[in-house]
PDB file of all heavy atoms in Angstrom:
ATOM      1  N   ILE A   1      -0.026  11.208 -42.671  1.00  0.00           N
ATOM      2  CA  ILE A   1      -1.174  10.307 -42.884  1.00  0.00           C
ATOM      3  C   ILE A   1      -2.288  10.616 -41.889  1.00  0.00           C
ATOM      4  O   ILE A   1      -3.476  10.656 -42.251  1.00  0.00           O
ATOM      5  CB  ILE A   1      -0.720   8.838 -42.755  1.00  0.00           C
ATOM      6  CG1 ILE A   1       0.206   8.466 -43.912  1.00  0.00           C
ATOM      7  CG2 ILE A   1      -1.928   7.900 -42.727  1.00  0.00           C
ATOM      8  CD1 ILE A   1       0.821   7.082 -43.800  1.00  0.00           C
ATOM      9  N   TYR A   2      -1.931  10.857 -40.647  1.00  0.00           N
ATOM     10  CA  TYR A   2      -2.931  11.185 -39.632  1.00  0.00           C
ATOM     11  C   TYR A   2      -3.646  12.494 -39.970  1.00  0.00           C
ATOM     12  O   TYR A   2      -4.875  12.608 -39.811  1.00  0.00           O
ATOM     13  CB  TYR A   2      -2.265  11.285 -38.258  1.00  0.00           C
ATOM     14  CG  TYR A   2      -3.206  11.709 -37.157  1.00  0.00           C
ATOM     15  CD1 TYR A   2      -4.087  10.792 -36.581  1.00  0.00           C
ATOM     16  CD2 TYR A   2      -3.230  13.034 -36.704  1.00  0.00           C
ATOM     17  CE1 TYR A   2      -4.959  11.177 -35.581  1.00  0.00           C
ATOM     18  CE2 TYR A   2      -4.108  13.428 -35.707  1.00  0.00           C
ATOM     19  CZ  TYR A   2      -4.965  12.493 -35.149  1.00  0.00           C
ATOM     20  OH  TYR A   2      -5.838  12.883 -34.154  1.00  0.00           O
ATOM     21  N   MET A   3      -2.907  13.486 -40.448  1.00  0.00           N
ATOM     22  CA  MET A   3      -3.518  14.770 -40.794  1.00  0.00           C
ATOM     23  C   MET A   3      -4.469  14.613 -41.979  1.00  0.00           C
ATOM     24  O   MET A   3      -5.545  15.213 -42.009  1.00  0.00           O
ATOM     25  CB  MET A   3      -2.434  15.799 -41.096  1.00  0.00           C
ATOM     26  CG  MET A   3      -1.596  16.173 -39.882  1.00  0.00           C
ATOM     27  SD  MET A   3      -0.242  17.317 -40.263  1.00  0.00           S
ATOM     28  CE  MET A   3      -1.166  18.827 -40.603  1.00  0.00           C
ATOM     29  N   PHE A   4      -4.107  13.803 -42.973  1.00  0.00           N
ATOM     30  CA  PHE A   4      -5.025  13.521 -44.070  1.00  0.00           C
ATOM     31  C   PHE A   4      -6.285  12.818 -43.564  1.00  0.00           C
ATOM     32  O   PHE A   4      -7.399  13.122 -43.995  1.00  0.00           O
ATOM     33  CB  PHE A   4      -4.337  12.648 -45.130  1.00  0.00           C
ATOM     34  CG  PHE A   4      -3.564  13.419 -46.154  1.00  0.00           C
ATOM     35  CD1 PHE A   4      -2.193  13.277 -46.272  1.00  0.00           C
ATOM     36  CD2 PHE A   4      -4.218  14.279 -47.029  1.00  0.00           C
ATOM     37  CE1 PHE A   4      -1.469  13.990 -47.213  1.00  0.00           C
ATOM     38  CE2 PHE A   4      -3.506  14.996 -47.988  1.00  0.00           C
ATOM     39  CZ  PHE A   4      -2.129  14.850 -48.077  1.00  0.00           C
ATOM     40  N   ALA A   5      -6.084  11.865 -42.646  1.00  0.00           N
ATOM     41  CA  ALA A   5      -7.213  11.086 -42.135  1.00  0.00           C
ATOM     42  C   ALA A   5      -8.182  11.937 -41.333  1.00  0.00           C
ATOM     43  O   ALA A   5      -9.395  11.685 -41.340  1.00  0.00           O
ATOM     44  CB  ALA A   5      -6.703   9.937 -41.267  1.00  0.00           C
ATOM     45  N   THR A   6      -7.673  12.936 -40.640  1.00  0.00           N
ATOM     46  CA  THR A   6      -8.536  13.793 -39.817  1.00  0.00           C
ATOM     47  C   THR A   6      -9.112  14.971 -40.597  1.00  0.00           C
ATOM     48  O   THR A   6      -9.781  15.833 -40.007  1.00  0.00           O
ATOM     49  CB  THR A   6      -7.748  14.314 -38.604  1.00  0.00           C
ATOM     50  OG1 THR A   6      -6.557  14.974 -39.048  1.00  0.00           O
ATOM     51  CG2 THR A   6      -7.390  13.169 -37.678  1.00  0.00           C
ATOM     52  N   GLY A   7      -8.857  15.034 -41.891  1.00  0.00           N
ATOM     53  CA  GLY A   7      -9.467  16.058 -42.728  1.00  0.00           C
ATOM     54  C   GLY A   7      -8.668  17.330 -42.896  1.00  0.00           C
ATOM     55  O   GLY A   7      -9.126  18.252 -43.591  1.00  0.00           O
ATOM     56  N   ASP A   8      -7.487  17.402 -42.308  1.00  0.00           N
ATOM     57  CA  ASP A   8      -6.664  18.609 -42.436  1.00  0.00           C
ATOM     58  C   ASP A   8      -5.820  18.490 -43.716  1.00  0.00           C
ATOM     59  O   ASP A   8      -4.582  18.411 -43.679  1.00  0.00           O
ATOM     60  CB  ASP A   8      -5.780  18.758 -41.199  1.00  0.00           C
ATOM     61  CG  ASP A   8      -5.174  20.151 -41.083  1.00  0.00           C
ATOM     62  OD1 ASP A   8      -5.441  20.985 -41.977  1.00  0.00           O
ATOM     63  OD2 ASP A   8      -4.428  20.393 -40.118  1.00  0.00           O
ATOM     64  N   THR A   9      -6.504  18.489 -44.855  1.00  0.00           N
ATOM     65  CA  THR A   9      -5.856  18.158 -46.128  1.00  0.00           C
ATOM     66  C   THR A   9      -4.825  19.196 -46.543  1.00  0.00           C
ATOM     67  O   THR A   9      -3.733  18.844 -47.027  1.00  0.00           O
ATOM     68  CB  THR A   9      -6.920  18.031 -47.231  1.00  0.00           C
ATOM     69  OG1 THR A   9      -7.923  17.096 -46.817  1.00  0.00           O
ATOM     70  CG2 THR A   9      -6.290  17.554 -48.533  1.00  0.00           C
ATOM     71  N   LEU A  10      -5.151  20.479 -46.373  1.00  0.00           N
ATOM     72  CA  LEU A  10      -4.238  21.531 -46.821  1.00  0.00           C
ATOM     73  C   LEU A  10      -2.916  21.472 -46.056  1.00  0.00           C
ATOM     74  O   LEU A  10      -1.835  21.442 -46.668  1.00  0.00           O
ATOM     75  CB  LEU A  10      -4.885  22.905 -46.638  1.00  0.00           C
ATOM     76  CG  LEU A  10      -4.003  24.111 -46.997  1.00  0.00           C
ATOM     77  CD1 LEU A  10      -3.592  24.048 -48.466  1.00  0.00           C
ATOM     78  CD2 LEU A  10      -4.726  25.419 -46.687  1.00  0.00           C
ATOM     79  N   ASN A  11      -2.991  21.450 -44.724  1.00  0.00           N
ATOM     80  CA  ASN A  11      -1.759  21.389 -43.925  1.00  0.00           C
ATOM     81  C   ASN A  11      -1.000  20.087 -44.156  1.00  0.00           C
ATOM     82  O   ASN A  11       0.233  20.077 -44.167  1.00  0.00           O
ATOM     83  CB  ASN A  11      -2.092  21.545 -42.437  1.00  0.00           C
ATOM     84  CG  ASN A  11      -2.335  22.984 -42.041  1.00  0.00           C
ATOM     85  OD1 ASN A  11      -1.763  23.900 -42.626  1.00  0.00           O
ATOM     86  ND2 ASN A  11      -3.209  23.197 -41.069  1.00  0.00           N
ATOM     87  N   ALA A  12      -1.732  18.994 -44.346  1.00  0.00           N
ATOM     88  CA  ALA A  12      -1.082  17.708 -44.598  1.00  0.00           C
ATOM     89  C   ALA A  12      -0.297  17.754 -45.908  1.00  0.00           C
ATOM     90  O   ALA A  12       0.839  17.259 -45.989  1.00  0.00           O
ATOM     91  CB  ALA A  12      -2.121  16.593 -44.637  1.00  0.00           C
ATOM     92  N   THR A  13      -0.909  18.351 -46.942  1.00  0.00           N
ATOM     93  CA  THR A  13      -0.237  18.460 -48.241  1.00  0.00           C
ATOM     94  C   THR A  13       0.999  19.350 -48.148  1.00  0.00           C
ATOM     95  O   THR A  13       2.067  19.006 -48.675  1.00  0.00           O
ATOM     96  CB  THR A  13      -1.200  19.027 -49.295  1.00  0.00           C
ATOM     97  OG1 THR A  13      -2.367  18.197 -49.367  1.00  0.00           O
ATOM     98  CG2 THR A  13      -0.532  19.076 -50.661  1.00  0.00           C
ATOM     99  N   LEU A  14       0.847  20.488 -47.459  1.00  0.00           N
ATOM    100  CA  LEU A  14       1.982  21.399 -47.317  1.00  0.00           C
ATOM    101  C   LEU A  14       3.104  20.758 -46.502  1.00  0.00           C
ATOM    102  O   LEU A  14       4.285  20.917 -46.833  1.00  0.00           O
ATOM    103  CB  LEU A  14       1.517  22.699 -46.649  1.00  0.00           C
ATOM    104  CG  LEU A  14       0.569  23.576 -47.481  1.00  0.00           C
ATOM    105  CD1 LEU A  14       0.077  24.757 -46.658  1.00  0.00           C
ATOM    106  CD2 LEU A  14       1.254  24.054 -48.752  1.00  0.00           C
ATOM    107  N   LEU A  15       2.722  20.029 -45.442  1.00  0.00           N
ATOM    108  CA  LEU A  15       3.741  19.363 -44.618  1.00  0.00           C
ATOM    109  C   LEU A  15       4.440  18.271 -45.414  1.00  0.00           C
ATOM    110  O   LEU A  15       5.666  18.094 -45.296  1.00  0.00           O
ATOM    111  CB  LEU A  15       3.093  18.776 -43.365  1.00  0.00           C
ATOM    112  CG  LEU A  15       4.048  18.155 -42.334  1.00  0.00           C
ATOM    113  CD1 LEU A  15       4.995  19.213 -41.771  1.00  0.00           C
ATOM    114  CD2 LEU A  15       3.271  17.482 -41.205  1.00  0.00           C
ATOM    115  N   LEU A  16       3.688  17.547 -46.235  1.00  0.00           N
ATOM    116  CA  LEU A  16       4.281  16.517 -47.088  1.00  0.00           C
ATOM    117  C   LEU A  16       5.302  17.125 -48.045  1.00  0.00           C
ATOM    118  O   LEU A  16       6.427  16.611 -48.190  1.00  0.00           O
ATOM    119  CB  LEU A  16       3.177  15.796 -47.867  1.00  0.00           C
ATOM    120  CG  LEU A  16       3.635  14.786 -48.927  1.00  0.00           C
ATOM    121  CD1 LEU A  16       4.409  13.654 -48.278  1.00  0.00           C
ATOM    122  CD2 LEU A  16       2.441  14.247 -49.689  1.00  0.00           C
ATOM    123  N   LEU A  17       4.928  18.215 -48.698  1.00  0.00           N
ATOM    124  CA  LEU A  17       5.848  18.874 -49.618  1.00  0.00           C
ATOM    125  C   LEU A  17       7.064  19.442 -48.875  1.00  0.00           C
ATOM    126  O   LEU A  17       8.198  19.370 -49.375  1.00  0.00           O
ATOM    127  CB  LEU A  17       5.115  20.004 -50.361  1.00  0.00           C
ATOM    128  CG  LEU A  17       4.011  19.562 -51.327  1.00  0.00           C
ATOM    129  CD1 LEU A  17       3.264  20.777 -51.876  1.00  0.00           C
ATOM    130  CD2 LEU A  17       4.596  18.727 -52.464  1.00  0.00           C
ATOM    131  N   TYR A  18       6.826  19.998 -47.706  1.00  0.00           N
ATOM    132  CA  TYR A  18       7.918  20.583 -46.918  1.00  0.00           C
ATOM    133  C   TYR A  18       8.966  19.527 -46.571  1.00  0.00           C
ATOM    134  O   TYR A  18      10.175  19.746 -46.762  1.00  0.00           O
ATOM    135  CB  TYR A  18       7.341  21.200 -45.644  1.00  0.00           C
ATOM    136  CG  TYR A  18       8.370  21.790 -44.710  1.00  0.00           C
ATOM    137  CD1 TYR A  18       8.826  23.099 -44.870  1.00  0.00           C
ATOM    138  CD2 TYR A  18       8.888  21.044 -43.656  1.00  0.00           C
ATOM    139  CE1 TYR A  18       9.766  23.644 -44.017  1.00  0.00           C
ATOM    140  CE2 TYR A  18       9.830  21.587 -42.789  1.00  0.00           C
ATOM    141  CZ  TYR A  18      10.264  22.881 -42.972  1.00  0.00           C
ATOM    142  OH  TYR A  18      11.195  23.410 -42.120  1.00  0.00           O
ATOM    143  N   HIS A  19       8.502  18.373 -46.069  1.00  0.00           N
ATOM    144  CA  HIS A  19       9.457  17.327 -45.677  1.00  0.00           C
ATOM    145  C   HIS A  19      10.106  16.677 -46.896  1.00  0.00           C
ATOM    146  O   HIS A  19      11.298  16.344 -46.863  1.00  0.00           O
ATOM    147  CB  HIS A  19       8.761  16.273 -44.822  1.00  0.00           C
ATOM    148  CG  HIS A  19       8.534  16.698 -43.411  1.00  0.00           C
ATOM    149  ND1 HIS A  19       9.569  17.037 -42.563  1.00  0.00           N
ATOM    150  CD2 HIS A  19       7.396  16.855 -42.690  1.00  0.00           C
ATOM    151  CE1 HIS A  19       9.068  17.368 -41.382  1.00  0.00           C
ATOM    152  NE2 HIS A  19       7.755  17.269 -41.432  1.00  0.00           N
ATOM    153  N   ALA A  20       9.327  16.478 -47.963  1.00  0.00           N
ATOM    154  CA  ALA A  20       9.886  15.834 -49.150  1.00  0.00           C
ATOM    155  C   ALA A  20      10.941  16.712 -49.819  1.00  0.00           C
ATOM    156  O   ALA A  20      11.962  16.207 -50.318  1.00  0.00           O
ATOM    157  CB  ALA A  20       8.767  15.513 -50.141  1.00  0.00           C
ATOM    158  N   ILE A  21      10.716  18.037 -49.810  1.00  0.00           N
ATOM    159  CA  ILE A  21      11.635  18.943 -50.502  1.00  0.00           C
ATOM    160  C   ILE A  21      12.715  19.479 -49.563  1.00  0.00           C
ATOM    161  O   ILE A  21      13.910  19.395 -49.858  1.00  0.00           O
ATOM    162  CB  ILE A  21      10.848  20.122 -51.127  1.00  0.00           C
ATOM    163  CG1 ILE A  21       9.874  19.594 -52.190  1.00  0.00           C
ATOM    164  CG2 ILE A  21      11.800  21.140 -51.751  1.00  0.00           C
ATOM    165  CD1 ILE A  21       8.913  20.646 -52.727  1.00  0.00           C
ATOM    166  N   VAL A  22      12.291  20.018 -48.424  1.00  0.00           N
ATOM    167  CA  VAL A  22      13.243  20.699 -47.536  1.00  0.00           C
ATOM    168  C   VAL A  22      13.992  19.709 -46.653  1.00  0.00           C
ATOM    169  O   VAL A  22      15.226  19.627 -46.700  1.00  0.00           O
ATOM    170  CB  VAL A  22      12.510  21.749 -46.672  1.00  0.00           C
ATOM    171  CG1 VAL A  22      13.492  22.441 -45.729  1.00  0.00           C
ATOM    172  CG2 VAL A  22      11.812  22.769 -47.555  1.00  0.00           C
ATOM    173  N   THR A  23      13.246  18.943 -45.835  1.00  0.00           N
ATOM    174  CA  THR A  23      13.901  18.043 -44.882  1.00  0.00           C
ATOM    175  C   THR A  23      14.761  17.002 -45.578  1.00  0.00           C
ATOM    176  O   THR A  23      15.895  16.730 -45.157  1.00  0.00           O
ATOM    177  CB  THR A  23      12.843  17.341 -44.005  1.00  0.00           C
ATOM    178  OG1 THR A  23      11.984  18.318 -43.417  1.00  0.00           O
ATOM    179  CG2 THR A  23      13.510  16.532 -42.902  1.00  0.00           C
ATOM    180  N   GLY A  24      14.234  16.413 -46.654  1.00  0.00           N
ATOM    181  CA  GLY A  24      15.006  15.393 -47.370  1.00  0.00           C
ATOM    182  C   GLY A  24      16.288  15.940 -47.965  1.00  0.00           C
ATOM    183  O   GLY A  24      17.353  15.313 -47.867  1.00  0.00           O
ATOM    184  N   ASN A  25      16.227  17.120 -48.570  1.00  0.00           N
ATOM    185  CA  ASN A  25      17.430  17.709 -49.161  1.00  0.00           C
ATOM    186  C   ASN A  25      18.413  18.189 -48.108  1.00  0.00           C
ATOM    187  O   ASN A  25      19.624  18.128 -48.328  1.00  0.00           O
ATOM    188  CB  ASN A  25      17.034  18.872 -50.078  1.00  0.00           C
ATOM    189  CG  ASN A  25      16.441  18.394 -51.395  1.00  0.00           C
ATOM    190  OD1 ASN A  25      16.919  17.424 -51.977  1.00  0.00           O
ATOM    191  ND2 ASN A  25      15.387  19.041 -51.858  1.00  0.00           N
ATOM    192  N   VAL A  26      17.899  18.684 -46.987  1.00  0.00           N
ATOM    193  CA  VAL A  26      18.797  19.089 -45.901  1.00  0.00           C
ATOM    194  C   VAL A  26      19.588  17.882 -45.400  1.00  0.00           C
ATOM    195  O   VAL A  26      20.795  17.973 -45.143  1.00  0.00           O
ATOM    196  CB  VAL A  26      18.000  19.739 -44.753  1.00  0.00           C
ATOM    197  CG1 VAL A  26      18.847  19.839 -43.495  1.00  0.00           C
ATOM    198  CG2 VAL A  26      17.525  21.123 -45.167  1.00  0.00           C
ATOM    199  N   ASP A  27      18.918  16.746 -45.274  1.00  0.00           N
ATOM    200  CA  ASP A  27      19.605  15.526 -44.835  1.00  0.00           C
ATOM    201  C   ASP A  27      20.699  15.150 -45.818  1.00  0.00           C
ATOM    202  O   ASP A  27      21.836  14.859 -45.419  1.00  0.00           O
ATOM    203  CB  ASP A  27      18.590  14.388 -44.705  1.00  0.00           C
ATOM    204  CG  ASP A  27      19.256  13.078 -44.319  1.00  0.00           C
ATOM    205  OD1 ASP A  27      19.739  12.977 -43.185  1.00  0.00           O
ATOM    206  OD2 ASP A  27      19.311  12.160 -45.158  1.00  0.00           O
ATOM    207  N   TYR A  28      20.374  15.156 -47.102  1.00  0.00           N
ATOM    208  CA  TYR A  28      21.349  14.770 -48.128  1.00  0.00           C
ATOM    209  C   TYR A  28      22.527  15.738 -48.155  1.00  0.00           C
ATOM    210  O   TYR A  28      23.702  15.324 -48.133  1.00  0.00           O
ATOM    211  CB  TYR A  28      20.672  14.725 -49.492  1.00  0.00           C
ATOM    212  CG  TYR A  28      21.617  14.449 -50.635  1.00  0.00           C
ATOM    213  CD1 TYR A  28      22.138  13.175 -50.848  1.00  0.00           C
ATOM    214  CD2 TYR A  28      22.009  15.474 -51.500  1.00  0.00           C
ATOM    215  CE1 TYR A  28      23.012  12.921 -51.889  1.00  0.00           C
ATOM    216  CE2 TYR A  28      22.883  15.227 -52.546  1.00  0.00           C
ATOM    217  CZ  TYR A  28      23.375  13.955 -52.738  1.00  0.00           C
ATOM    218  OH  TYR A  28      24.246  13.715 -53.756  1.00  0.00           O
ATOM    219  N   ILE A  29      22.227  17.039 -48.167  1.00  0.00           N
ATOM    220  CA  ILE A  29      23.292  18.041 -48.242  1.00  0.00           C
ATOM    221  C   ILE A  29      24.165  18.004 -46.995  1.00  0.00           C
ATOM    222  O   ILE A  29      25.398  18.095 -47.078  1.00  0.00           O
ATOM    223  CB  ILE A  29      22.684  19.449 -48.447  1.00  0.00           C
ATOM    224  CG1 ILE A  29      22.013  19.535 -49.813  1.00  0.00           C
ATOM    225  CG2 ILE A  29      23.753  20.527 -48.313  1.00  0.00           C
ATOM    226  CD1 ILE A  29      21.201  20.799 -50.022  1.00  0.00           C
ATOM    227  N   ALA A  30      23.537  17.868 -45.825  1.00  0.00           N
ATOM    228  CA  ALA A  30      24.301  17.846 -44.573  1.00  0.00           C
ATOM    229  C   ALA A  30      25.245  16.650 -44.525  1.00  0.00           C
ATOM    230  O   ALA A  30      26.386  16.766 -44.085  1.00  0.00           O
ATOM    231  CB  ALA A  30      23.346  17.821 -43.376  1.00  0.00           C
ATOM    232  N   ARG A  31      24.777  15.512 -44.993  1.00  0.00           N
ATOM    233  CA  ARG A  31      25.619  14.311 -44.920  1.00  0.00           C
ATOM    234  C   ARG A  31      26.797  14.387 -45.888  1.00  0.00           C
ATOM    235  O   ARG A  31      27.913  13.990 -45.541  1.00  0.00           O
ATOM    236  CB  ARG A  31      24.788  13.053 -45.189  1.00  0.00           C
ATOM    237  CG  ARG A  31      23.843  12.718 -44.056  1.00  0.00           C
ATOM    238  CD  ARG A  31      23.110  11.411 -44.256  1.00  0.00           C
ATOM    239  NE  ARG A  31      22.099  11.240 -43.229  1.00  0.00           N
ATOM    240  CZ  ARG A  31      22.336  10.770 -42.010  1.00  0.00           C
ATOM    241  NH1 ARG A  31      23.553  10.398 -41.680  1.00  0.00           N
ATOM    242  NH2 ARG A  31      21.367  10.664 -41.129  1.00  0.00           N
ATOM    243  N   ILE A  32      26.566  14.875 -47.098  1.00  0.00           N
ATOM    244  CA  ILE A  32      27.666  14.892 -48.065  1.00  0.00           C
ATOM    245  C   ILE A  32      28.622  16.053 -47.819  1.00  0.00           C
ATOM    246  O   ILE A  32      29.729  16.059 -48.345  1.00  0.00           O
ATOM    247  CB  ILE A  32      27.141  14.945 -49.516  1.00  0.00           C
ATOM    248  CG1 ILE A  32      26.383  16.255 -49.778  1.00  0.00           C
ATOM    249  CG2 ILE A  32      26.276  13.733 -49.803  1.00  0.00           C
ATOM    250  CD1 ILE A  32      25.954  16.421 -51.219  1.00  0.00           C
ATOM    251  N   THR A  33      28.181  17.052 -47.027  1.00  0.00           N
ATOM    252  CA  THR A  33      29.076  18.179 -46.749  1.00  0.00           C
ATOM    253  C   THR A  33      29.749  18.046 -45.390  1.00  0.00           C
ATOM    254  O   THR A  33      30.977  18.102 -45.301  1.00  0.00           O
ATOM    255  CB  THR A  33      28.301  19.510 -46.809  1.00  0.00           C
ATOM    256  OG1 THR A  33      27.174  19.452 -45.911  1.00  0.00           O
ATOM    257  CG2 THR A  33      27.812  19.789 -48.205  1.00  0.00           C
ATOM    258  N   LEU A  34      28.956  17.824 -44.324  1.00  0.00           N
ATOM    259  CA  LEU A  34      29.528  17.756 -42.976  1.00  0.00           C
ATOM    260  C   LEU A  34      30.457  16.560 -42.828  1.00  0.00           C
ATOM    261  O   LEU A  34      31.616  16.694 -42.412  1.00  0.00           O
ATOM    262  CB  LEU A  34      28.415  17.695 -41.934  1.00  0.00           C
ATOM    263  CG  LEU A  34      27.783  19.030 -41.528  1.00  0.00           C
ATOM    264  CD1 LEU A  34      26.651  18.804 -40.545  1.00  0.00           C
ATOM    265  CD2 LEU A  34      28.829  19.957 -40.914  1.00  0.00           C
ATOM    266  N   LEU A  35      29.947  15.356 -43.133  1.00  0.00           N
ATOM    267  CA  LEU A  35      30.767  14.156 -42.959  1.00  0.00           C
ATOM    268  C   LEU A  35      31.972  14.176 -43.890  1.00  0.00           C
ATOM    269  O   LEU A  35      33.054  13.707 -43.529  1.00  0.00           O
ATOM    270  CB  LEU A  35      29.927  12.902 -43.203  1.00  0.00           C
ATOM    271  CG  LEU A  35      28.791  12.651 -42.192  1.00  0.00           C
ATOM    272  CD1 LEU A  35      28.077  11.346 -42.510  1.00  0.00           C
ATOM    273  CD2 LEU A  35      29.317  12.629 -40.769  1.00  0.00           C
ATOM    274  N   LYS A  36      31.787  14.715 -45.089  1.00  0.00           N
ATOM    275  CA  LYS A  36      32.907  14.806 -46.026  1.00  0.00           C
ATOM    276  C   LYS A  36      33.931  15.814 -45.535  1.00  0.00           C
ATOM    277  O   LYS A  36      35.141  15.594 -45.619  1.00  0.00           O
ATOM    278  CB  LYS A  36      32.380  15.231 -47.405  1.00  0.00           C
ATOM    279  CG  LYS A  36      33.394  15.162 -48.518  1.00  0.00           C
ATOM    280  CD  LYS A  36      33.566  13.742 -49.013  1.00  0.00           C
ATOM    281  CE  LYS A  36      34.467  13.697 -50.232  1.00  0.00           C
ATOM    282  NZ  LYS A  36      34.745  12.324 -50.664  1.00  0.00           N
ATOM    283  N   ARG A  37      33.438  16.925 -44.966  1.00  0.00           N
ATOM    284  CA  ARG A  37      34.336  17.983 -44.519  1.00  0.00           C
ATOM    285  C   ARG A  37      35.077  17.580 -43.239  1.00  0.00           C
ATOM    286  O   ARG A  37      36.274  17.831 -43.092  1.00  0.00           O
ATOM    287  CB  ARG A  37      33.529  19.262 -44.281  1.00  0.00           C
ATOM    288  CG  ARG A  37      34.375  20.480 -43.975  1.00  0.00           C
ATOM    289  CD  ARG A  37      33.502  21.703 -43.764  1.00  0.00           C
ATOM    290  NE  ARG A  37      34.291  22.901 -43.589  1.00  0.00           N
ATOM    291  CZ  ARG A  37      34.725  23.676 -44.563  1.00  0.00           C
ATOM    292  NH1 ARG A  37      34.450  23.356 -45.809  1.00  0.00           N
ATOM    293  NH2 ARG A  37      35.434  24.760 -44.334  1.00  0.00           N
ATOM    294  N   ILE A  38      34.356  16.937 -42.312  1.00  0.00           N
ATOM    295  CA  ILE A  38      34.973  16.585 -41.028  1.00  0.00           C
ATOM    296  C   ILE A  38      35.949  15.431 -41.180  1.00  0.00           C
ATOM    297  O   ILE A  38      37.061  15.466 -40.658  1.00  0.00           O
ATOM    298  CB  ILE A  38      33.887  16.236 -39.996  1.00  0.00           C
ATOM    299  CG1 ILE A  38      33.028  17.465 -39.698  1.00  0.00           C
ATOM    300  CG2 ILE A  38      34.528  15.742 -38.693  1.00  0.00           C
ATOM    301  CD1 ILE A  38      31.845  17.181 -38.802  1.00  0.00           C
ATOM    302  N   GLY A  39      35.529  14.373 -41.896  1.00  0.00           N
ATOM    303  CA  GLY A  39      36.384  13.189 -41.938  1.00  0.00           C
ATOM    304  C   GLY A  39      36.575  12.585 -43.305  1.00  0.00           C
ATOM    305  O   GLY A  39      37.118  11.486 -43.417  1.00  0.00           O
ATOM    306  N   ASP A  40      36.120  13.259 -44.372  1.00  0.00           N
ATOM    307  CA  ASP A  40      36.258  12.745 -45.733  1.00  0.00           C
ATOM    308  C   ASP A  40      35.690  11.330 -45.838  1.00  0.00           C
ATOM    309  O   ASP A  40      36.283  10.432 -46.428  1.00  0.00           O
ATOM    310  CB  ASP A  40      37.731  12.764 -46.160  1.00  0.00           C
ATOM    311  CG  ASP A  40      37.878  12.581 -47.668  1.00  0.00           C
ATOM    312  OD1 ASP A  40      36.918  12.905 -48.396  1.00  0.00           O
ATOM    313  OD2 ASP A  40      38.946  12.115 -48.108  1.00  0.00           O
ATOM    314  N   THR A  41      34.509  11.145 -45.224  1.00  0.00           N
ATOM    315  CA  THR A  41      33.863   9.836 -45.224  1.00  0.00           C
ATOM    316  C   THR A  41      32.832   9.773 -46.341  1.00  0.00           C
ATOM    317  O   THR A  41      31.948  10.625 -46.423  1.00  0.00           O
ATOM    318  CB  THR A  41      33.166   9.576 -43.877  1.00  0.00           C
ATOM    319  OG1 THR A  41      34.127   9.696 -42.832  1.00  0.00           O
ATOM    320  CG2 THR A  41      32.563   8.181 -43.838  1.00  0.00           C
ATOM    321  N   HIS A  42      32.919   8.751 -47.177  1.00  0.00           N
ATOM    322  CA  HIS A  42      31.995   8.614 -48.293  1.00  0.00           C
ATOM    323  C   HIS A  42      30.606   8.249 -47.764  1.00  0.00           C
ATOM    324  O   HIS A  42      30.479   7.436 -46.848  1.00  0.00           O
ATOM    325  CB  HIS A  42      32.476   7.529 -49.255  1.00  0.00           C
ATOM    326  CG  HIS A  42      31.823   7.596 -50.591  1.00  0.00           C
ATOM    327  ND1 HIS A  42      30.555   7.086 -50.833  1.00  0.00           N
ATOM    328  CD2 HIS A  42      32.240   8.127 -51.775  1.00  0.00           C
ATOM    329  CE1 HIS A  42      30.237   7.283 -52.097  1.00  0.00           C
ATOM    330  NE2 HIS A  42      31.225   7.916 -52.687  1.00  0.00           N
ATOM    331  N   PRO A  43      29.525   8.850 -48.329  1.00  0.00           N
ATOM    332  CA  PRO A  43      28.170   8.540 -47.847  1.00  0.00           C
ATOM    333  C   PRO A  43      27.817   7.065 -47.910  1.00  0.00           C
ATOM    334  O   PRO A  43      27.077   6.567 -47.063  1.00  0.00           O
ATOM    335  CB  PRO A  43      27.277   9.368 -48.788  1.00  0.00           C
ATOM    336  CG  PRO A  43      28.144  10.474 -49.278  1.00  0.00           C
ATOM    337  CD  PRO A  43      29.534   9.915 -49.342  1.00  0.00           C
TER     338      PRO A  43
END
């Protein structure tokens, strides 16, 4: 939001897509694989 507000629209858009696609999926995949593998704990 700050990057959009300061006019850095291109980087803000790319960062938004990066976190929405990459960071969010990494969190989901890591939780269902690591926690499941280490202790068979349901998400």
